[in-house]
C-alpha atoms as a PDB file:
ATOM      1  CA  MET A   1       0.007   0.026  -0.058  1.00  0.00           C
ATOM      2  CA  GLY A   2       2.885   2.530   0.782  1.00  0.00           C
ATOM      3  CA  THR A   3       0.726   4.563   3.247  1.00  0.00           C
ATOM      4  CA  PRO A   4       1.539   4.273   6.756  1.00  0.00           C
ATOM      5  CA  VAL A   5      -1.653   3.424   8.856  1.00  0.00           C
ATOM      6  CA  LYS A   6      -1.996   3.895  12.615  1.00  0.00           C
ATOM      7  CA  HIS A   7      -4.172   1.494  14.337  1.00  0.00           C
ATOM      8  CA  HIS A   8      -5.878   1.856  17.728  1.00  0.00           C
ATOM      9  CA  SER A   9      -9.020   0.992  19.703  1.00  0.00           C
ATOM     10  CA  VAL A  10     -11.663   3.510  21.077  1.00  0.00           C
ATOM     11  CA  THR A  11     -13.843   2.754  24.110  1.00  0.00           C
ATOM     12  CA  THR A  12     -17.561   3.250  23.772  1.00  0.00           C
ATOM     13  CA  THR A  13     -20.361   2.375  26.293  1.00  0.00           C
ATOM     14  CA  LEU A  14     -21.328  -0.276  23.623  1.00  0.00           C
ATOM     15  CA  GLY A  15     -17.833  -1.687  23.223  1.00  0.00           C
ATOM     16  CA  GLU A  16     -14.504  -1.333  21.668  1.00  0.00           C
ATOM     17  CA  ILE A  17     -14.400   0.192  18.236  1.00  0.00           C
ATOM     18  CA  ALA A  18     -11.163  -0.332  16.188  1.00  0.00           C
ATOM     19  CA  VAL A  19     -10.062   2.513  14.210  1.00  0.00           C
ATOM     20  CA  ALA A  20      -7.332   3.067  11.438  1.00  0.00           C
ATOM     21  CA  GLU A  21      -5.964   6.529  10.549  1.00  0.00           C
ATOM     22  CA  THR A  22      -3.762   7.901   8.026  1.00  0.00           C
ATOM     23  CA  GLY A  23      -2.964  11.422   6.492  1.00  0.00           C
ATOM     24  CA  GLU A  24      -3.315  14.902   7.675  1.00  0.00           C
ATOM     25  CA  GLY A  25      -5.856  17.640   6.794  1.00  0.00           C
ATOM     26  CA  PRO A  26      -9.583  17.921   7.088  1.00  0.00           C
ATOM     27  CA  VAL A  27     -11.150  14.743   8.625  1.00  0.00           C
ATOM     28  CA  LEU A  28     -12.755  12.180   6.150  1.00  0.00           C
ATOM     29  CA  VAL A  29     -14.480   9.236   8.071  1.00  0.00           C
ATOM     30  CA  MET A  30     -14.985   6.207   5.610  1.00  0.00           C
ATOM     31  CA  LEU A  31     -17.533   3.475   6.406  1.00  0.00           C
ATOM     32  CA  HIS A  32     -17.270   0.138   4.933  1.00  0.00           C
ATOM     33  CA  GLY A  33     -19.855  -2.208   3.606  1.00  0.00           C
ATOM     34  CA  GLY A  34     -21.394  -5.058   5.295  1.00  0.00           C
ATOM     35  CA  GLY A  35     -20.073  -8.113   3.223  1.00  0.00           C
ATOM     36  CA  PRO A  36     -18.222 -11.135   4.829  1.00  0.00           C
ATOM     37  CA  GLY A  37     -14.791 -10.029   5.901  1.00  0.00           C
ATOM     38  CA  ALA A  38     -15.171  -6.409   5.430  1.00  0.00           C
ATOM     39  CA  SER A  39     -13.392  -3.743   7.602  1.00  0.00           C
ATOM     40  CA  GLY A  40     -12.313  -0.223   7.054  1.00  0.00           C
ATOM     41  CA  VAL A  41      -8.748  -0.931   5.718  1.00  0.00           C
ATOM     42  CA  ALA A  42      -9.826  -4.008   3.804  1.00  0.00           C
ATOM     43  CA  ASN A  43     -12.435  -2.060   1.744  1.00  0.00           C
ATOM     44  CA  TYR A  44     -10.557   1.163   1.289  1.00  0.00           C
ATOM     45  CA  HIS A  45      -6.767   0.297   1.190  1.00  0.00           C
ATOM     46  CA  GLN A  46      -6.233   0.907  -2.331  1.00  0.00           C
ATOM     47  CA  ASN A  47      -7.607   4.488  -2.066  1.00  0.00           C
ATOM     48  CA  LEU A  48      -5.647   5.567   0.839  1.00  0.00           C
ATOM     49  CA  PRO A  49      -2.368   6.645  -1.064  1.00  0.00           C
ATOM     50  CA  ALA A  50      -4.545   9.416  -3.064  1.00  0.00           C
ATOM     51  CA  LEU A  51      -6.870  10.416  -0.179  1.00  0.00           C
ATOM     52  CA  ALA A  52      -4.351  10.572   2.580  1.00  0.00           C
ATOM     53  CA  ARG A  53      -2.420  13.451   0.665  1.00  0.00           C
ATOM     54  CA  ARG A  54      -5.261  15.710   1.271  1.00  0.00           C
ATOM     55  CA  PHE A  55      -7.263  14.482   4.368  1.00  0.00           C
ATOM     56  CA  ARG A  56      -7.004  12.771   7.829  1.00  0.00           C
ATOM     57  CA  VAL A  57      -8.734   9.567   6.794  1.00  0.00           C
ATOM     58  CA  VAL A  58     -10.283   7.821   9.790  1.00  0.00           C
ATOM     59  CA  LEU A  59     -11.406   4.104   8.951  1.00  0.00           C
ATOM     60  CA  PRO A  60     -13.598   2.699  11.787  1.00  0.00           C
ATOM     61  CA  ASP A  61     -14.503  -0.923  11.733  1.00  0.00           C
ATOM     62  CA  GLN A  62     -18.297  -0.861  12.340  1.00  0.00           C
ATOM     63  CA  PRO A  63     -19.690  -2.936  15.240  1.00  0.00           C
ATOM     64  CA  GLY A  64     -19.701  -6.688  14.137  1.00  0.00           C
ATOM     65  CA  PHE A  65     -16.716  -6.136  11.782  1.00  0.00           C
ATOM     66  CA  GLY A  66     -13.167  -6.235  11.808  1.00  0.00           C
ATOM     67  CA  GLY A  67     -11.538  -5.572  15.151  1.00  0.00           C
ATOM     68  CA  SER A  68     -14.683  -3.891  16.672  1.00  0.00           C
ATOM     69  CA  TYR A  69     -17.044  -5.496  19.197  1.00  0.00           C
ATOM     70  CA  ARG A  70     -19.832  -7.841  18.301  1.00  0.00           C
ATOM     71  CA  PRO A  71     -23.362  -6.796  19.162  1.00  0.00           C
ATOM     72  CA  THR A  72     -25.318  -9.552  20.854  1.00  0.00           C
ATOM     73  CA  GLU A  73     -28.783 -10.777  19.876  1.00  0.00           C
ATOM     74  CA  GLU A  74     -30.258  -8.890  22.849  1.00  0.00           C
ATOM     75  CA  ASP A  75     -28.495  -5.535  21.252  1.00  0.00           C
ATOM     76  CA  LEU A  76     -29.937  -6.428  17.818  1.00  0.00           C
ATOM     77  CA  GLU A  77     -33.337  -6.981  19.217  1.00  0.00           C
ATOM     78  CA  LYS A  78     -33.487  -3.548  20.922  1.00  0.00           C
ATOM     79  CA  ARG A  79     -32.029  -1.547  18.111  1.00  0.00           C
ATOM     80  CA  SER A  80     -31.279  -2.045  14.374  1.00  0.00           C
ATOM     81  CA  ILE A  81     -27.502  -2.449  13.342  1.00  0.00           C
ATOM     82  CA  THR A  82     -27.559   1.022  11.940  1.00  0.00           C
ATOM     83  CA  GLU A  83     -28.803   2.460  15.015  1.00  0.00           C
ATOM     84  CA  ILE A  84     -26.130   0.618  17.086  1.00  0.00           C
ATOM     85  CA  THR A  85     -23.518   1.797  14.660  1.00  0.00           C
ATOM     86  CA  VAL A  86     -24.511   5.345  14.613  1.00  0.00           C
ATOM     87  CA  ASP A  87     -24.483   5.391  18.451  1.00  0.00           C
ATOM     88  CA  ALA A  88     -21.116   3.836  18.595  1.00  0.00           C
ATOM     89  CA  LEU A  89     -19.260   5.823  15.808  1.00  0.00           C
ATOM     90  CA  PHE A  90     -20.625   9.152  17.396  1.00  0.00           C
ATOM     91  CA  GLN A  91     -19.126   8.178  20.606  1.00  0.00           C
ATOM     92  CA  ALA A  92     -15.863   7.168  19.034  1.00  0.00           C
ATOM     93  CA  LEU A  93     -15.451  10.297  17.319  1.00  0.00           C
ATOM     94  CA  ASP A  94     -16.117  12.299  20.392  1.00  0.00           C
ATOM     95  CA  THR A  95     -13.610  10.522  22.107  1.00  0.00           C
ATOM     96  CA  LEU A  96     -11.060  11.298  19.158  1.00  0.00           C
ATOM     97  CA  GLY A  97     -11.997  14.883  19.526  1.00  0.00           C
ATOM     98  CA  ILE A  98     -13.497  15.067  16.035  1.00  0.00           C
ATOM     99  CA  GLU A  99     -16.521  17.543  15.925  1.00  0.00           C
ATOM    100  CA  ARG A 100     -16.881  18.163  12.133  1.00  0.00           C
ATOM    101  CA  PHE A 101     -15.894  15.838   9.377  1.00  0.00           C
ATOM    102  CA  HIS A 102     -16.574  14.746   5.760  1.00  0.00           C
ATOM    103  CA  LEU A 103     -18.345  11.249   5.596  1.00  0.00           C
ATOM    104  CA  LEU A 104     -18.209   8.534   3.139  1.00  0.00           C
ATOM    105  CA  GLY A 105     -20.210   5.320   3.266  1.00  0.00           C
ATOM    106  CA  ASN A 106     -20.818   2.171   0.955  1.00  0.00           C
ATOM    107  CA  SER A 107     -23.780  -0.127   1.201  1.00  0.00           C
ATOM    108  CA  LEU A 108     -24.226  -0.903   4.850  1.00  0.00           C
ATOM    109  CA  GLY A 109     -21.715   1.935   5.646  1.00  0.00           C
ATOM    110  CA  GLY A 110     -23.894   4.099   3.427  1.00  0.00           C
ATOM    111  CA  ALA A 111     -26.869   3.605   5.606  1.00  0.00           C
ATOM    112  CA  ALA A 112     -24.969   4.507   8.773  1.00  0.00           C
ATOM    113  CA  ALA A 113     -23.548   7.546   6.858  1.00  0.00           C
ATOM    114  CA  ILE A 114     -27.211   8.551   5.973  1.00  0.00           C
ATOM    115  CA  ALA A 115     -28.266   8.109   9.525  1.00  0.00           C
ATOM    116  CA  MET A 116     -25.430  10.162  10.919  1.00  0.00           C
ATOM    117  CA  ALA A 117     -26.132  12.992   8.468  1.00  0.00           C
ATOM    118  CA  GLN A 118     -29.693  13.046   9.550  1.00  0.00           C
ATOM    119  CA  GLU A 119     -29.336  12.718  13.134  1.00  0.00           C
ATOM    120  CA  ARG A 120     -26.556  15.395  13.465  1.00  0.00           C
ATOM    121  CA  PRO A 121     -26.458  17.346  10.164  1.00  0.00           C
ATOM    122  CA  ASP A 122     -24.352  20.115  12.000  1.00  0.00           C
ATOM    123  CA  ARG A 123     -21.362  17.727  12.180  1.00  0.00           C
ATOM    124  CA  VAL A 124     -21.120  16.552   8.537  1.00  0.00           C
ATOM    125  CA  ASP A 125     -19.512  19.051   6.063  1.00  0.00           C
ATOM    126  CA  ARG A 126     -19.942  16.889   2.851  1.00  0.00           C
ATOM    127  CA  LEU A 127     -21.401  13.551   2.274  1.00  0.00           C
ATOM    128  CA  VAL A 128     -20.333  10.786  -0.203  1.00  0.00           C
ATOM    129  CA  LEU A 129     -22.685   7.781  -0.568  1.00  0.00           C
ATOM    130  CA  MET A 130     -21.759   4.791  -2.723  1.00  0.00           C
ATOM    131  CA  ALA A 131     -24.958   2.758  -3.293  1.00  0.00           C
ATOM    132  CA  PRO A 132     -26.028   3.228   0.215  1.00  0.00           C
ATOM    133  CA  GLY A 133     -28.737   0.962   2.018  1.00  0.00           C
ATOM    134  CA  GLY A 134     -31.714   2.547   3.606  1.00  0.00           C
ATOM    135  CA  GLY A 135     -32.085   5.531   1.380  1.00  0.00           C
ATOM    136  CA  TRP A 136     -32.774   3.432  -1.562  1.00  0.00           C
ATOM    137  CA  LEU A 137     -36.098   2.188  -2.962  1.00  0.00           C
ATOM    138  CA  PRO A 138     -35.703  -0.253  -5.878  1.00  0.00           C
ATOM    139  CA  PHE A 139     -38.407  -0.948  -8.428  1.00  0.00           C
ATOM    140  CA  GLY A 140     -37.226  -4.632  -8.877  1.00  0.00           C
ATOM    141  CA  PRO A 141     -37.565  -7.600  -6.367  1.00  0.00           C
ATOM    142  CA  THR A 142     -35.870  -7.718  -3.204  1.00  0.00           C
ATOM    143  CA  PRO A 143     -33.699  -9.151  -1.731  1.00  0.00           C
ATOM    144  CA  THR A 144     -31.434  -8.435  -4.760  1.00  0.00           C
ATOM    145  CA  GLU A 145     -29.082 -10.812  -6.210  1.00  0.00           C
ATOM    146  CA  GLY A 146     -25.936  -9.508  -4.181  1.00  0.00           C
ATOM    147  CA  GLN A 147     -27.963  -9.536  -0.918  1.00  0.00           C
ATOM    148  CA  LYS A 148     -28.971 -13.163  -1.519  1.00  0.00           C
ATOM    149  CA  GLU A 149     -25.312 -13.961  -1.929  1.00  0.00           C
ATOM    150  CA  MET A 150     -24.271 -12.475   1.295  1.00  0.00           C
ATOM    151  CA  PHE A 151     -27.051 -14.342   3.126  1.00  0.00           C
ATOM    152  CA  ARG A 152     -25.901 -17.357   1.364  1.00  0.00           C
ATOM    153  CA  TYR A 153     -22.248 -17.045   2.323  1.00  0.00           C
ATOM    154  CA  TYR A 154     -22.315 -18.274   5.962  1.00  0.00           C
ATOM    155  CA  ASN A 155     -25.237 -20.651   5.460  1.00  0.00           C
ATOM    156  CA  GLY A 156     -25.441 -24.014   3.618  1.00  0.00           C
ATOM    157  CA  GLY A 157     -22.123 -25.622   4.931  1.00  0.00           C
ATOM    158  CA  GLY A 158     -20.429 -22.408   5.928  1.00  0.00           C
ATOM    159  CA  PRO A 159     -17.895 -20.234   4.065  1.00  0.00           C
ATOM    160  CA  SER A 160     -15.489 -21.574   1.337  1.00  0.00           C
ATOM    161  CA  GLU A 161     -13.218 -19.964  -1.187  1.00  0.00           C
ATOM    162  CA  LYS A 162     -15.767 -21.096  -3.881  1.00  0.00           C
ATOM    163  CA  LYS A 163     -18.497 -19.254  -2.340  1.00  0.00           C
ATOM    164  CA  MET A 164     -16.248 -16.128  -1.721  1.00  0.00           C
ATOM    165  CA  ALA A 165     -15.530 -16.221  -5.448  1.00  0.00           C
ATOM    166  CA  ALA A 166     -19.221 -16.206  -6.174  1.00  0.00           C
ATOM    167  CA  PHE A 167     -19.790 -13.535  -3.681  1.00  0.00           C
ATOM    168  CA  ILE A 168     -17.279 -11.269  -5.383  1.00  0.00           C
ATOM    169  CA  ARG A 169     -18.487 -12.097  -8.889  1.00  0.00           C
ATOM    170  CA  THR A 170     -21.899 -10.535  -7.791  1.00  0.00           C
ATOM    171  CA  MET A 171     -20.401  -7.582  -6.185  1.00  0.00           C
ATOM    172  CA  VAL A 172     -18.424  -6.457  -9.501  1.00  0.00           C
ATOM    173  CA  PHE A 173     -18.918  -6.067 -13.117  1.00  0.00           C
ATOM    174  CA  ASP A 174     -15.876  -7.906 -14.232  1.00  0.00           C
ATOM    175  CA  HIS A 175     -14.515 -10.414 -11.771  1.00  0.00           C
ATOM    176  CA  ARG A 176     -11.461 -11.191 -13.872  1.00  0.00           C
ATOM    177  CA  GLN A 177      -9.628  -8.290 -12.411  1.00  0.00           C
ATOM    178  CA  PHE A 178      -9.938 -10.202  -8.879  1.00  0.00           C
ATOM    179  CA  GLY A 179      -7.485 -13.071  -8.963  1.00  0.00           C
ATOM    180  CA  GLU A 180      -7.169 -16.113  -6.674  1.00  0.00           C
ATOM    181  CA  ASP A 181      -5.125 -14.147  -4.103  1.00  0.00           C
ATOM    182  CA  VAL A 182      -7.948 -11.476  -3.656  1.00  0.00           C
ATOM    183  CA  VAL A 183     -10.428 -14.383  -3.177  1.00  0.00           C
ATOM    184  CA  ARG A 184      -8.365 -16.254  -0.705  1.00  0.00           C
ATOM    185  CA  ALA A 185      -7.549 -13.103   1.414  1.00  0.00           C
ATOM    186  CA  ARG A 186     -11.286 -12.076   1.751  1.00  0.00           C
ATOM    187  CA  TYR A 187     -12.126 -15.635   2.429  1.00  0.00           C
ATOM    188  CA  GLU A 188      -9.370 -15.802   5.102  1.00  0.00           C
ATOM    189  CA  ALA A 189     -10.884 -12.585   6.682  1.00  0.00           C
ATOM    190  CA  SER A 190     -14.217 -13.966   6.831  1.00  0.00           C
ATOM    191  CA  LEU A 191     -13.278 -16.855   9.136  1.00  0.00           C
ATOM    192  CA  ASP A 192     -13.154 -15.185  12.541  1.00  0.00           C
ATOM    193  CA  GLU A 193     -15.661 -17.324  14.670  1.00  0.00           C
ATOM    194  CA  SER A 194     -16.997 -14.156  16.498  1.00  0.00           C
ATOM    195  CA  HIS A 195     -17.681 -12.573  13.258  1.00  0.00           C
ATOM    196  CA  ILE A 196     -19.435 -15.700  11.764  1.00  0.00           C
ATOM    197  CA  ALA A 197     -21.645 -15.776  15.025  1.00  0.00           C
ATOM    198  CA  PHE A 198     -22.534 -12.185  14.618  1.00  0.00           C
ATOM    199  CA  TYR A 199     -23.317 -12.388  10.955  1.00  0.00           C
ATOM    200  CA  HIS A 200     -25.891 -15.119  11.863  1.00  0.00           C
ATOM    201  CA  ARG A 201     -27.474 -12.830  14.452  1.00  0.00           C
ATOM    202  CA  TYR A 202     -27.309  -9.968  12.061  1.00  0.00           C
ATOM    203  CA  ASN A 203     -29.045 -11.700   9.186  1.00  0.00           C
ATOM    204  CA  ALA A 204     -31.672 -12.908  11.490  1.00  0.00           C
ATOM    205  CA  ALA A 205     -32.301  -9.466  12.952  1.00  0.00           C
ATOM    206  CA  PHE A 206     -32.258  -8.124   9.397  1.00  0.00           C
ATOM    207  CA  ALA A 207     -34.918 -10.706   8.299  1.00  0.00           C
ATOM    208  CA  LYS A 208     -37.060 -10.061  11.404  1.00  0.00           C
ATOM    209  CA  ARG A 209     -36.997  -6.201  10.585  1.00  0.00           C
ATOM    210  CA  GLY A 210     -37.848  -6.661   6.996  1.00  0.00           C
ATOM    211  CA  GLY A 211     -34.593  -5.134   5.663  1.00  0.00           C
ATOM    212  CA  MET A 212     -32.651  -2.051   6.420  1.00  0.00           C
ATOM    213  CA  ASP A 213     -34.277   0.937   8.484  1.00  0.00           C
ATOM    214  CA  PRO A 214     -36.366   3.124   6.143  1.00  0.00           C
ATOM    215  CA  LEU A 215     -34.073   5.969   6.258  1.00  0.00           C
ATOM    216  CA  TRP A 216     -35.621   7.221   2.720  1.00  0.00           C
ATOM    217  CA  LYS A 217     -38.313   8.633   4.790  1.00  0.00           C
ATOM    218  CA  ASP A 218     -36.153  11.390   6.315  1.00  0.00           C
ATOM    219  CA  LEU A 219     -33.809  12.095   3.461  1.00  0.00           C
ATOM    220  CA  HIS A 220     -34.945  15.745   3.615  1.00  0.00           C
ATOM    221  CA  LYS A 221     -32.953  16.140   6.953  1.00  0.00           C
ATOM    222  CA  ILE A 222     -29.706  15.845   5.182  1.00  0.00           C
ATOM    223  CA  LYS A 223     -28.152  19.302   4.868  1.00  0.00           C
ATOM    224  CA  ALA A 224     -24.625  18.399   3.684  1.00  0.00           C
ATOM    225  CA  PRO A 225     -23.739  18.711   0.074  1.00  0.00           C
ATOM    226  CA  THR A 226     -23.967  15.174  -1.250  1.00  0.00           C
ATOM    227  CA  LEU A 227     -22.248  13.167  -3.904  1.00  0.00           C
ATOM    228  CA  LEU A 228     -23.801   9.827  -5.042  1.00  0.00           C
ATOM    229  CA  LEU A 229     -21.669   7.288  -6.751  1.00  0.00           C
ATOM    230  CA  TRP A 230     -23.134   4.269  -8.308  1.00  0.00           C
ATOM    231  CA  GLY A 231     -22.353   1.332 -10.648  1.00  0.00           C
ATOM    232  CA  ARG A 232     -24.800   1.143 -13.343  1.00  0.00           C
ATOM    233  CA  ASP A 233     -24.330  -2.564 -13.131  1.00  0.00           C
ATOM    234  CA  ASP A 234     -24.734  -2.954  -9.360  1.00  0.00           C
ATOM    235  CA  ARG A 235     -26.848  -6.204  -8.437  1.00  0.00           C
ATOM    236  CA  THR A 236     -26.766  -5.452  -4.780  1.00  0.00           C
ATOM    237  CA  ILE A 237     -28.023  -1.803  -4.313  1.00  0.00           C
ATOM    238  CA  THR A 238     -29.341  -1.155  -7.707  1.00  0.00           C
ATOM    239  CA  LEU A 239     -29.172   2.116  -9.570  1.00  0.00           C
ATOM    240  CA  ASP A 240     -32.927   2.298 -10.048  1.00  0.00           C
ATOM    241  CA  GLY A 241     -33.418   3.086  -6.358  1.00  0.00           C
ATOM    242  CA  ALA A 242     -31.597   6.303  -6.369  1.00  0.00           C
ATOM    243  CA  GLN A 243     -34.277   8.356  -7.861  1.00  0.00           C
ATOM    244  CA  LEU A 244     -35.699   8.990  -4.444  1.00  0.00           C
ATOM    245  CA  MET A 245     -32.467  10.341  -3.133  1.00  0.00           C
ATOM    246  CA  LEU A 246     -32.210  12.488  -6.045  1.00  0.00           C
ATOM    247  CA  LYS A 247     -35.629  14.057  -5.304  1.00  0.00           C
ATOM    248  CA  GLN A 248     -35.371  14.511  -1.570  1.00  0.00           C
ATOM    249  CA  ILE A 249     -31.669  15.347  -0.819  1.00  0.00           C
ATOM    250  CA  ARG A 250     -31.538  19.135  -1.338  1.00  0.00           C
ATOM    251  CA  ASP A 251     -28.135  19.538  -2.500  1.00  0.00           C
ATOM    252  CA  VAL A 252     -26.957  16.385  -4.463  1.00  0.00           C
ATOM    253  CA  ARG A 253     -25.384  15.224  -7.504  1.00  0.00           C
ATOM    254  CA  LEU A 254     -25.019  11.737  -9.154  1.00  0.00           C
ATOM    255  CA  HIS A 255     -22.022  10.167 -10.920  1.00  0.00           C
ATOM    256  CA  VAL A 256     -22.760   6.762 -12.647  1.00  0.00           C
ATOM    257  CA  PHE A 257     -20.032   4.372 -13.831  1.00  0.00           C
ATOM    258  CA  GLY A 258     -20.901   2.051 -16.660  1.00  0.00           C
ATOM    259  CA  ARG A 259     -19.470  -1.598 -16.567  1.00  0.00           C
ATOM    260  CA  CYS A 260     -19.269  -1.239 -12.853  1.00  0.00           C
ATOM    261  CA  GLY A 261     -20.822  -2.998  -9.880  1.00  0.00           C
ATOM    262  CA  HIS A 262     -21.106  -2.328  -6.321  1.00  0.00           C
ATOM    263  CA  TRP A 263     -17.418  -1.691  -5.489  1.00  0.00           C
ATOM    264  CA  VAL A 264     -16.949   1.543  -7.156  1.00  0.00           C
ATOM    265  CA  GLN A 265     -13.910   2.338  -5.058  1.00  0.00           C
ATOM    266  CA  VAL A 266     -12.033  -0.773  -6.287  1.00  0.00           C
ATOM    267  CA  GLU A 267     -13.483  -1.188  -9.809  1.00  0.00           C
ATOM    268  CA  ARG A 268     -12.921   2.462 -10.651  1.00  0.00           C
ATOM    269  CA  GLN A 269     -10.297   3.440  -8.165  1.00  0.00           C
ATOM    270  CA  ARG A 270      -8.570   6.318 -10.085  1.00  0.00           C
ATOM    271  CA  GLU A 271     -12.003   7.850 -10.865  1.00  0.00           C
ATOM    272  CA  PHE A 272     -13.301   7.343  -7.377  1.00  0.00           C
ATOM    273  CA  ASP A 273     -10.213   8.900  -5.818  1.00  0.00           C
ATOM    274  CA  GLU A 274     -10.364  12.045  -8.127  1.00  0.00           C
ATOM    275  CA  LEU A 275     -14.143  12.351  -7.656  1.00  0.00           C
ATOM    276  CA  VAL A 276     -13.994  12.144  -4.028  1.00  0.00           C
ATOM    277  CA  THR A 277     -11.063  14.422  -3.511  1.00  0.00           C
ATOM    278  CA  GLY A 278     -12.513  17.192  -6.016  1.00  0.00           C
ATOM    279  CA  PHE A 279     -15.954  16.972  -4.353  1.00  0.00           C
ATOM    280  CA  LEU A 280     -14.475  17.366  -0.732  1.00  0.00           C
ATOM    281  CA  ALA A 281     -12.100  19.930  -1.560  1.00  0.00           C
END
């Protein structure tokens, strides 16, 4: 990667939140998606060399993922994973002395980013959302193909490299750019027993609640200028659902990438880095 990253843990009333940091400048908080083996550094490491030149990049592992604590069944019964995440992340940012910040989120992390921008709009300077959950209402059937692949990964015999390869094929437009080493690394990151146990609890709670929180109902509460980044060929959080966000967020623009799936930051790395840097700057 070539970019030095500092790792530490922040105590909240909910549990420990693992945080990675790199760079200097205005704070950019980047929230990862919810796939098996996801974490802040794993999802964004390829973007850090460009972004760390302009920003203090803060990469929290959301509750349940990476090095952060695992919410219990009781936790997920009381509150949604997004509500839990928003609470934990605001506490972590307070501890770090971060009052105002730019915020970027993808998929599950996009839902948390929307909720944070709705709950404390005074703290979010600019918002970047990549195919975010919760703010999106698709015209097609749900769960989507990508969502089904995520649910399937830890079920039916448990994780395997073959299933991880299938998961990645669903996440991206052209899976040939991801070799066996990428599949193996992501597979190995998904094998933590506590994460697997959490994922079963998380999927059960997700099904019981009928999906993500309906954040689309309060999109008008977002005050931050917002950039939407979307792969035209996303089979997880589909582009057709973006229309409501374009209508309800007051200061919004959308950039669509053809021949691109759910992982814009990887599939279109250079363009992603340039667009995010230009928009935030």
